[in-house]
């Protein structure tokens, strides 16, 4: 089962800290997609191989937004 969520950040430094915490601190496995938005903010889409608690997601900072699908549409 894949657990997906997305966060948007105002600056690159905060986004990088969240990604580092996911990979190194929480040992999240799966995929993390990082994109710079046209308005200068940053977005991460996380597709984790295990469930991530809401409190853990909130502790990453950023603003929670709707995640993109992890499944490719043909």
PDB file of N, CA and C in Angstrom:
ATOM      1  N   UNK A   1       0.840  -1.177   0.000  1.00  0.00           N
ATOM      2  CA  UNK A   1       0.000   0.000   0.000  1.00  0.00           C
ATOM      3  C   UNK A   1       0.887   1.244   0.000  1.00  0.00           C
ATOM      4  N   UNK A   2       0.544   2.195  -0.815  1.00  0.00           N
ATOM      5  CA  UNK A   2       1.276   3.453  -0.914  1.00  0.00           C
ATOM      6  C   UNK A   2       0.493   4.527  -0.164  1.00  0.00           C
ATOM      7  N   UNK A   3       1.197   5.286   0.659  1.00  0.00           N
ATOM      8  CA  UNK A   3       0.613   6.400   1.403  1.00  0.00           C
ATOM      9  C   UNK A   3       1.157   7.685   0.798  1.00  0.00           C
ATOM     10  N   UNK A   4       0.275   8.519   0.247  1.00  0.00           N
ATOM     11  CA  UNK A   4       0.709   9.733  -0.446  1.00  0.00           C
ATOM     12  C   UNK A   4       0.236  10.987   0.263  1.00  0.00           C
ATOM     13  N   UNK A   5       1.109  11.987   0.264  1.00  0.00           N
ATOM     14  CA  UNK A   5       0.735  13.309   0.756  1.00  0.00           C
ATOM     15  C   UNK A   5       1.638  14.331   0.079  1.00  0.00           C
ATOM     16  N   UNK A   6       1.244  15.589   0.130  1.00  0.00           N
ATOM     17  CA  UNK A   6       2.025  16.661  -0.496  1.00  0.00           C
ATOM     18  C   UNK A   6       2.063  17.868   0.422  1.00  0.00           C
ATOM     19  N   UNK A   7       3.187  18.568   0.375  1.00  0.00           N
ATOM     20  CA  UNK A   7       3.379  19.782   1.152  1.00  0.00           C
ATOM     21  C   UNK A   7       3.981  20.850   0.258  1.00  0.00           C
ATOM     22  N   UNK A   8       3.619  22.101   0.522  1.00  0.00           N
ATOM     23  CA  UNK A   8       4.228  23.222  -0.174  1.00  0.00           C
ATOM     24  C   UNK A   8       4.956  24.084   0.849  1.00  0.00           C
ATOM     25  N   UNK A   9       6.114  24.604   0.427  1.00  0.00           N
ATOM     26  CA  UNK A   9       6.979  25.395   1.303  1.00  0.00           C
ATOM     27  C   UNK A   9       7.276  26.737   0.662  1.00  0.00           C
ATOM     28  N   UNK A  10       7.456  27.754   1.500  1.00  0.00           N
ATOM     29  CA  UNK A  10       7.754  29.109   1.014  1.00  0.00           C
ATOM     30  C   UNK A  10       9.187  29.242   0.514  1.00  0.00           C
ATOM     31  N   UNK A  11      10.113  28.433   1.056  1.00  0.00           N
ATOM     32  CA  UNK A  11      11.505  28.590   0.651  1.00  0.00           C
ATOM     33  C   UNK A  11      12.191  27.228   0.534  1.00  0.00           C
ATOM     34  N   UNK A  12      13.288  27.220  -0.214  1.00  0.00           N
ATOM     35  CA  UNK A  12      14.013  25.991  -0.494  1.00  0.00           C
ATOM     36  C   UNK A  12      14.655  25.395   0.761  1.00  0.00           C
ATOM     37  N   UNK A  13      15.144  26.229   1.639  1.00  0.00           N
ATOM     38  CA  UNK A  13      15.820  25.743   2.844  1.00  0.00           C
ATOM     39  C   UNK A  13      14.869  24.910   3.715  1.00  0.00           C
ATOM     40  N   UNK A  14      13.665  25.395   3.917  1.00  0.00           N
ATOM     41  CA  UNK A  14      12.673  24.677   4.726  1.00  0.00           C
ATOM     42  C   UNK A  14      12.269  23.376   4.045  1.00  0.00           C
ATOM     43  N   UNK A  15      12.110  23.423   2.725  1.00  0.00           N
ATOM     44  CA  UNK A  15      11.760  22.216   1.968  1.00  0.00           C
ATOM     45  C   UNK A  15      12.858  21.168   2.095  1.00  0.00           C
ATOM     46  N   UNK A  16      14.106  21.587   1.930  1.00  0.00           N
ATOM     47  CA  UNK A  16      15.229  20.639   2.020  1.00  0.00           C
ATOM     48  C   UNK A  16      15.326  20.016   3.413  1.00  0.00           C
ATOM     49  N   UNK A  17      15.041  20.796   4.449  1.00  0.00           N
ATOM     50  CA  UNK A  17      15.066  20.272   5.814  1.00  0.00           C
ATOM     51  C   UNK A  17      13.993  19.201   5.993  1.00  0.00           C
ATOM     52  N   UNK A  18      12.815  19.410   5.397  1.00  0.00           N
ATOM     53  CA  UNK A  18      11.737  18.420   5.486  1.00  0.00           C
ATOM     54  C   UNK A  18      12.107  17.138   4.748  1.00  0.00           C
ATOM     55  N   UNK A  19      12.687  17.265   3.564  1.00  0.00           N
ATOM     56  CA  UNK A  19      13.097  16.090   2.788  1.00  0.00           C
ATOM     57  C   UNK A  19      14.179  15.316   3.542  1.00  0.00           C
ATOM     58  N   UNK A  20      15.137  16.031   4.112  1.00  0.00           N
ATOM     59  CA  UNK A  20      16.203  15.383   4.885  1.00  0.00           C
ATOM     60  C   UNK A  20      15.619  14.625   6.080  1.00  0.00           C
ATOM     61  N   UNK A  21      14.650  15.230   6.750  1.00  0.00           N
ATOM     62  CA  UNK A  21      14.022  14.563   7.892  1.00  0.00           C
ATOM     63  C   UNK A  21      13.286  13.296   7.447  1.00  0.00           C
ATOM     64  N   UNK A  22      12.605  13.364   6.300  1.00  0.00           N
ATOM     65  CA  UNK A  22      11.900  12.180   5.787  1.00  0.00           C
ATOM     66  C   UNK A  22      12.873  11.045   5.477  1.00  0.00           C
ATOM     67  N   UNK A  23      13.936  11.347   4.733  1.00  0.00           N
ATOM     68  CA  UNK A  23      14.880  10.314   4.309  1.00  0.00           C
ATOM     69  C   UNK A  23      15.765   9.841   5.443  1.00  0.00           C
ATOM     70  N   UNK A  24      16.416  10.784   6.106  1.00  0.00           N
ATOM     71  CA  UNK A  24      17.438  10.435   7.086  1.00  0.00           C
ATOM     72  C   UNK A  24      16.884  10.210   8.490  1.00  0.00           C
ATOM     73  N   UNK A  25      15.983  11.072   8.916  1.00  0.00           N
ATOM     74  CA  UNK A  25      15.461  10.975  10.269  1.00  0.00           C
ATOM     75  C   UNK A  25      14.395   9.919  10.444  1.00  0.00           C
ATOM     76  N   UNK A  26      13.437   9.903   9.533  1.00  0.00           N
ATOM     77  CA  UNK A  26      12.298   8.984   9.658  1.00  0.00           C
ATOM     78  C   UNK A  26      12.482   7.697   8.855  1.00  0.00           C
ATOM     79  N   UNK A  27      13.519   7.668   8.004  1.00  0.00           N
ATOM     80  CA  UNK A  27      13.811   6.492   7.175  1.00  0.00           C
ATOM     81  C   UNK A  27      12.612   6.085   6.306  1.00  0.00           C
ATOM     82  N   UNK A  28      11.922   7.087   5.762  1.00  0.00           N
ATOM     83  CA  UNK A  28      10.785   6.834   4.878  1.00  0.00           C
ATOM     84  C   UNK A  28      11.296   6.208   3.584  1.00  0.00           C
ATOM     85  N   UNK A  29      10.671   5.135   3.154  1.00  0.00           N
ATOM     86  CA  UNK A  29      11.016   4.523   1.877  1.00  0.00           C
ATOM     87  C   UNK A  29       9.892   4.798   0.892  1.00  0.00           C
ATOM     88  N   UNK A  30      10.235   4.893  -0.357  1.00  0.00           N
ATOM     89  CA  UNK A  30       9.265   5.211  -1.395  1.00  0.00           C
ATOM     90  C   UNK A  30       9.859   6.285  -2.296  1.00  0.00           C
ATOM     91  N   UNK A  31       9.021   7.204  -2.747  1.00  0.00           N
ATOM     92  CA  UNK A  31       9.477   8.263  -3.653  1.00  0.00           C
ATOM     93  C   UNK A  31       9.095   9.624  -3.121  1.00  0.00           C
ATOM     94  N   UNK A  32      10.009  10.584  -3.307  1.00  0.00           N
ATOM     95  CA  UNK A  32       9.722  11.974  -2.986  1.00  0.00           C
ATOM     96  C   UNK A  32      10.017  12.785  -4.234  1.00  0.00           C
ATOM     97  N   UNK A  33       9.012  13.473  -4.737  1.00  0.00           N
ATOM     98  CA  UNK A  33       9.159  14.322  -5.918  1.00  0.00           C
ATOM     99  C   UNK A  33       9.223  15.767  -5.452  1.00  0.00           C
ATOM    100  N   UNK A  34      10.234  16.499  -5.882  1.00  0.00           N
ATOM    101  CA  UNK A  34      10.418  17.896  -5.500  1.00  0.00           C
ATOM    102  C   UNK A  34      10.258  18.770  -6.737  1.00  0.00           C
ATOM    103  N   UNK A  35       9.431  19.813  -6.612  1.00  0.00           N
ATOM    104  CA  UNK A  35       9.211  20.731  -7.730  1.00  0.00           C
ATOM    105  C   UNK A  35       9.205  22.166  -7.238  1.00  0.00           C
ATOM    106  N   UNK A  36       9.833  23.041  -8.027  1.00  0.00           N
ATOM    107  CA  UNK A  36       9.727  24.473  -7.755  1.00  0.00           C
ATOM    108  C   UNK A  36       8.503  24.984  -8.503  1.00  0.00           C
ATOM    109  N   UNK A  37       7.654  25.698  -7.810  1.00  0.00           N
ATOM    110  CA  UNK A  37       6.435  26.225  -8.410  1.00  0.00           C
ATOM    111  C   UNK A  37       6.713  27.564  -9.088  1.00  0.00           C
ATOM    112  N   UNK A  38       5.824  27.967  -9.983  1.00  0.00           N
ATOM    113  CA  UNK A  38       6.042  29.190 -10.761  1.00  0.00           C
ATOM    114  C   UNK A  38       6.105  30.445  -9.896  1.00  0.00           C
ATOM    115  N   UNK A  39       5.503  30.407  -8.714  1.00  0.00           N
ATOM    116  CA  UNK A  39       5.521  31.576  -7.831  1.00  0.00           C
ATOM    117  C   UNK A  39       6.706  31.576  -6.862  1.00  0.00           C
ATOM    118  N   UNK A  40       7.640  30.621  -7.036  1.00  0.00           N
ATOM    119  CA  UNK A  40       8.842  30.583  -6.220  1.00  0.00           C
ATOM    120  C   UNK A  40       8.770  29.659  -5.017  1.00  0.00           C
ATOM    121  N   UNK A  41       7.580  29.160  -4.688  1.00  0.00           N
ATOM    122  CA  UNK A  41       7.457  28.208  -3.587  1.00  0.00           C
ATOM    123  C   UNK A  41       7.936  26.839  -4.049  1.00  0.00           C
ATOM    124  N   UNK A  42       8.044  25.900  -3.110  1.00  0.00           N
ATOM    125  CA  UNK A  42       8.491  24.545  -3.390  1.00  0.00           C
ATOM    126  C   UNK A  42       7.420  23.559  -2.972  1.00  0.00           C
ATOM    127  N   UNK A  43       7.293  22.462  -3.705  1.00  0.00           N
ATOM    128  CA  UNK A  43       6.302  21.425  -3.424  1.00  0.00           C
ATOM    129  C   UNK A  43       7.005  20.072  -3.375  1.00  0.00           C
ATOM    130  N   UNK A  44       6.634  19.269  -2.370  1.00  0.00           N
ATOM    131  CA  UNK A  44       7.085  17.877  -2.357  1.00  0.00           C
ATOM    132  C   UNK A  44       5.861  16.974  -2.377  1.00  0.00           C
ATOM    133  N   UNK A  45       5.894  15.993  -3.246  1.00  0.00           N
ATOM    134  CA  UNK A  45       4.884  14.929  -3.297  1.00  0.00           C
ATOM    135  C   UNK A  45       5.564  13.678  -2.784  1.00  0.00           C
ATOM    136  N   UNK A  46       5.020  13.118  -1.728  1.00  0.00           N
ATOM    137  CA  UNK A  46       5.617  11.948  -1.085  1.00  0.00           C
ATOM    138  C   UNK A  46       4.720  10.743  -1.325  1.00  0.00           C
ATOM    139  N   UNK A  47       5.316   9.651  -1.804  1.00  0.00           N
ATOM    140  CA  UNK A  47       4.621   8.373  -1.992  1.00  0.00           C
ATOM    141  C   UNK A  47       5.405   7.352  -1.182  1.00  0.00           C
ATOM    142  N   UNK A  48       4.974   7.192   0.077  1.00  0.00           N
ATOM    143  CA  UNK A  48       5.697   6.350   1.028  1.00  0.00           C
ATOM    144  C   UNK A  48       5.180   4.921   0.982  1.00  0.00           C
ATOM    145  N   UNK A  49       6.073   3.980   1.287  1.00  0.00           N
ATOM    146  CA  UNK A  49       5.703   2.565   1.302  1.00  0.00           C
ATOM    147  C   UNK A  49       5.032   2.155   2.602  1.00  0.00           C
ATOM    148  N   UNK A  50       4.933   3.085   3.547  1.00  0.00           N
ATOM    149  CA  UNK A  50       4.242   2.817   4.806  1.00  0.00           C
ATOM    150  C   UNK A  50       3.478   4.070   5.225  1.00  0.00           C
ATOM    151  N   UNK A  51       2.561   3.915   6.149  1.00  0.00           N
ATOM    152  CA  UNK A  51       1.755   5.028   6.622  1.00  0.00           C
ATOM    153  C   UNK A  51       2.609   6.002   7.425  1.00  0.00           C
ATOM    154  N   UNK A  52       2.332   7.284   7.249  1.00  0.00           N
ATOM    155  CA  UNK A  52       3.010   8.329   8.002  1.00  0.00           C
ATOM    156  C   UNK A  52       1.944   9.029   8.846  1.00  0.00           C
ATOM    157  N   UNK A  53       2.204   9.132  10.152  1.00  0.00           N
ATOM    158  CA  UNK A  53       1.220   9.746  11.050  1.00  0.00           C
ATOM    159  C   UNK A  53       1.001  11.214  10.711  1.00  0.00           C
ATOM    160  N   UNK A  54      -0.226  11.685  10.948  1.00  0.00           N
ATOM    161  CA  UNK A  54      -0.570  13.084  10.708  1.00  0.00           C
ATOM    162  C   UNK A  54       0.332  14.021  11.507  1.00  0.00           C
ATOM    163  N   UNK A  55       0.611  13.661  12.747  1.00  0.00           N
ATOM    164  CA  UNK A  55       1.466  14.509  13.589  1.00  0.00           C
ATOM    165  C   UNK A  55       2.873  14.614  13.013  1.00  0.00           C
ATOM    166  N   UNK A  56       3.343  13.550  12.384  1.00  0.00           N
ATOM    167  CA  UNK A  56       4.667  13.560  11.755  1.00  0.00           C
ATOM    168  C   UNK A  56       4.665  14.487  10.541  1.00  0.00           C
ATOM    169  N   UNK A  57       3.605  14.424   9.745  1.00  0.00           N
ATOM    170  CA  UNK A  57       3.485  15.287   8.566  1.00  0.00           C
ATOM    171  C   UNK A  57       3.426  16.745   8.999  1.00  0.00           C
ATOM    172  N   UNK A  58       2.640  17.041  10.031  1.00  0.00           N
ATOM    173  CA  UNK A  58       2.516  18.412  10.523  1.00  0.00           C
ATOM    174  C   UNK A  58       3.854  18.934  11.032  1.00  0.00           C
ATOM    175  N   UNK A  59       4.663  18.060  11.630  1.00  0.00           N
ATOM    176  CA  UNK A  59       5.955  18.473  12.179  1.00  0.00           C
ATOM    177  C   UNK A  59       6.970  18.840  11.088  1.00  0.00           C
ATOM    178  N   UNK A  60       6.707  18.445   9.850  1.00  0.00           N
ATOM    179  CA  UNK A  60       7.612  18.760   8.742  1.00  0.00           C
ATOM    180  C   UNK A  60       7.511  20.224   8.337  1.00  0.00           C
ATOM    181  N   UNK A  61       6.437  20.889   8.721  1.00  0.00           N
ATOM    182  CA  UNK A  61       6.208  22.269   8.307  1.00  0.00           C
ATOM    183  C   UNK A  61       5.533  22.292   6.950  1.00  0.00           C
ATOM    184  N   UNK A  62       5.476  23.444   6.358  1.00  0.00           N
ATOM    185  CA  UNK A  62       4.827  23.563   5.057  1.00  0.00           C
ATOM    186  C   UNK A  62       3.317  23.546   5.181  1.00  0.00           C
ATOM    187  N   UNK A  63       2.676  23.659   4.036  1.00  0.00           N
ATOM    188  CA  UNK A  63       1.228  23.655   3.945  1.00  0.00           C
ATOM    189  C   UNK A  63       0.784  22.390   3.241  1.00  0.00           C
ATOM    190  N   UNK A  64      -0.135  21.656   3.841  1.00  0.00           N
ATOM    191  CA  UNK A  64      -0.624  20.410   3.247  1.00  0.00           C
ATOM    192  C   UNK A  64      -1.521  20.732   2.065  1.00  0.00           C
ATOM    193  N   UNK A  65      -1.274  20.073   0.937  1.00  0.00           N
ATOM    194  CA  UNK A  65      -2.079  20.239  -0.274  1.00  0.00           C
ATOM    195  C   UNK A  65      -2.404  18.850  -0.818  1.00  0.00           C
ATOM    196  N   UNK A  66      -3.293  18.804  -1.790  1.00  0.00           N
ATOM    197  CA  UNK A  66      -3.678  17.528  -2.375  1.00  0.00           C
ATOM    198  C   UNK A  66      -2.499  16.890  -3.126  1.00  0.00           C
ATOM    199  N   UNK A  67      -2.269  15.625  -2.841  1.00  0.00           N
ATOM    200  CA  UNK A  67      -1.158  14.895  -3.487  1.00  0.00           C
ATOM    201  C   UNK A  67      -1.536  14.492  -4.896  1.00  0.00           C
ATOM    202  N   UNK A  68      -0.538  14.456  -5.758  1.00  0.00           N
ATOM    203  CA  UNK A  68      -0.741  13.930  -7.115  1.00  0.00           C
ATOM    204  C   UNK A  68      -0.781  12.411  -7.047  1.00  0.00           C
ATOM    205  N   UNK A  69      -1.427  11.810  -7.994  1.00  0.00           N
ATOM    206  CA  UNK A  69      -1.536  10.354  -8.039  1.00  0.00           C
ATOM    207  C   UNK A  69      -0.178   9.716  -8.278  1.00  0.00           C
ATOM    208  N   UNK A  70       0.061   8.599  -7.592  1.00  0.00           N
ATOM    209  CA  UNK A  70       1.305   7.849  -7.783  1.00  0.00           C
ATOM    210  C   UNK A  70       1.173   6.901  -8.977  1.00  0.00           C
ATOM    211  N   UNK A  71      -0.020   6.805  -9.548  1.00  0.00           N
ATOM    212  CA  UNK A  71      -0.296   5.903 -10.656  1.00  0.00           C
ATOM    213  C   UNK A  71      -0.324   6.683 -11.948  1.00  0.00           C
ATOM    214  N   UNK A  72       0.437   6.265 -12.925  1.00  0.00           N
ATOM    215  CA  UNK A  72       0.439   6.921 -14.230  1.00  0.00           C
ATOM    216  C   UNK A  72      -0.855   6.620 -14.963  1.00  0.00           C
ATOM    217  N   UNK A  73      -1.381   7.647 -15.601  1.00  0.00           N
ATOM    218  CA  UNK A  73      -2.612   7.457 -16.388  1.00  0.00           C
ATOM    219  C   UNK A  73      -2.229   7.358 -17.853  1.00  0.00           C
ATOM    220  N   UNK A  74      -2.827   6.408 -18.546  1.00  0.00           N
ATOM    221  CA  UNK A  74      -2.513   6.192 -19.955  1.00  0.00           C
ATOM    222  C   UNK A  74      -3.643   6.725 -20.814  1.00  0.00           C
TER     223      UNK A  74
END
